[in-house]
Protein backbone atom coordinates (compact mmCIF):
# COMPACT_ATOMS: atom_id res chain seq x y z
CA MET A 1 -84.34 -18.44 22.27
CA THR A 2 -81.05 -20.24 22.76
CA LEU A 3 -78.06 -19.74 20.50
CA ASP A 4 -78.41 -23.32 19.24
CA VAL A 5 -82.02 -22.69 18.18
CA CYS A 6 -81.04 -19.41 16.50
CA VAL A 7 -78.26 -21.10 14.53
CA ARG A 8 -80.51 -23.96 13.44
CA PHE A 9 -83.21 -21.49 12.38
CA ARG A 10 -80.74 -19.54 10.28
CA GLU A 11 -79.37 -22.74 8.67
CA ASN A 12 -82.89 -23.91 7.76
CA SER A 13 -84.19 -20.58 6.49
CA PHE A 14 -84.53 -19.86 2.79
CA MET A 15 -84.55 -16.71 0.71
CA PRO A 16 -87.95 -16.05 -0.86
CA MET A 17 -88.44 -16.84 -4.54
CA THR A 18 -88.81 -13.80 -6.77
CA ALA A 19 -91.65 -13.25 -9.23
CA GLN A 20 -89.13 -13.50 -12.07
CA GLU A 21 -87.91 -16.91 -10.88
CA ILE A 22 -91.45 -18.21 -10.40
CA THR A 23 -92.36 -17.08 -13.92
CA ARG A 24 -89.17 -18.54 -15.41
CA ARG A 25 -89.72 -21.96 -13.86
CA ILE A 26 -93.35 -22.19 -14.94
CA GLN A 27 -92.57 -21.04 -18.48
CA THR A 28 -89.79 -23.62 -18.68
CA ALA A 29 -92.22 -26.38 -17.68
CA LEU A 30 -95.25 -24.98 -19.55
CA PRO A 31 -93.97 -22.77 -22.41
CA ASP A 32 -97.46 -21.63 -23.49
CA ALA A 33 -98.47 -20.61 -19.97
CA ASN A 34 -100.17 -17.29 -19.34
CA ILE A 35 -99.11 -16.40 -15.79
CA THR A 36 -100.53 -13.85 -13.35
CA LEU A 37 -98.68 -13.30 -10.08
CA GLU A 38 -99.77 -11.34 -7.03
CA ASP A 39 -97.55 -10.81 -3.98
CA LEU A 40 -100.18 -11.18 -1.26
CA ALA A 41 -98.12 -9.85 1.65
CA GLY A 42 -95.57 -7.63 -0.10
CA ASP A 43 -92.75 -9.87 1.09
CA ASN A 44 -91.95 -12.06 -1.97
CA ASP A 45 -92.95 -15.01 0.20
CA HIS A 46 -96.76 -15.32 -0.13
CA TRP A 47 -97.98 -15.54 -3.71
CA LYS A 48 -101.25 -15.88 -5.56
CA LEU A 49 -100.61 -17.51 -8.90
CA VAL A 50 -102.99 -18.00 -11.83
CA VAL A 51 -101.67 -20.24 -14.60
CA GLU A 52 -103.50 -20.82 -17.85
CA SER A 53 -102.11 -23.45 -20.23
CA ALA A 54 -103.40 -25.68 -23.01
CA ALA A 55 -101.40 -28.46 -21.34
CA PHE A 56 -104.09 -28.55 -18.63
CA ALA A 57 -106.83 -29.62 -21.08
CA GLY A 58 -108.43 -32.89 -19.99
CA LYS A 59 -106.53 -32.94 -16.68
CA THR A 60 -108.13 -32.85 -13.24
CA ARG A 61 -107.50 -29.84 -11.03
CA VAL A 62 -105.16 -31.97 -8.90
CA GLN A 63 -103.17 -33.02 -11.98
CA GLN A 64 -102.96 -29.40 -13.13
CA HIS A 65 -101.62 -28.30 -9.76
CA GLN A 66 -99.12 -31.16 -9.73
CA MET A 67 -97.82 -29.97 -13.10
CA VAL A 68 -97.19 -26.51 -11.67
CA TYR A 69 -95.67 -27.85 -8.43
CA ALA A 70 -93.31 -30.04 -10.48
CA ALA A 71 -91.79 -26.86 -11.91
CA PHE A 72 -90.51 -26.02 -8.42
CA GLY A 73 -89.28 -29.44 -7.31
CA LYS A 74 -87.77 -29.43 -3.82
CA ASP A 75 -88.20 -25.65 -3.56
CA MET A 76 -91.98 -26.01 -3.17
CA GLY A 77 -92.74 -25.39 0.50
CA THR A 78 -89.24 -24.12 1.27
CA THR A 79 -87.92 -21.36 -1.00
CA LEU A 80 -91.43 -20.96 -2.36
CA HIS A 81 -93.16 -20.84 1.00
CA ALA A 82 -96.82 -20.02 0.42
CA LEU A 83 -98.72 -20.33 -2.84
CA ALA A 84 -102.40 -19.84 -3.59
CA LEU A 85 -102.76 -21.54 -6.97
CA GLU A 86 -105.46 -21.36 -9.61
CA THR A 87 -105.08 -23.27 -12.88
CA ARG A 88 -107.21 -23.23 -16.02
CA SER A 89 -107.25 -24.20 -19.67
CA PRO A 90 -107.76 -21.52 -22.30
CA LYS A 91 -111.35 -21.15 -23.43
CA PRO A 92 -111.94 -22.15 -27.06
């Protein structure tokens, strides 16, 4: 690897997002959310996330996921690198 490639890699790398930050952002966007997080690789970089919120009622799965992704903005896919997401509405 050349020095130029190493420097560019370092400039484009991101620190992983912590469980606390993930939870904070989702609860800010969806205050009633019940959130379960699992660090799949033990590296704070690959997460399984289950979010249950009444705000998902009547929404398609795609719309529900978009609501969660919106909580992360530009950090989705960068600082928050890998996310396995499951969303659901509370059962009556």
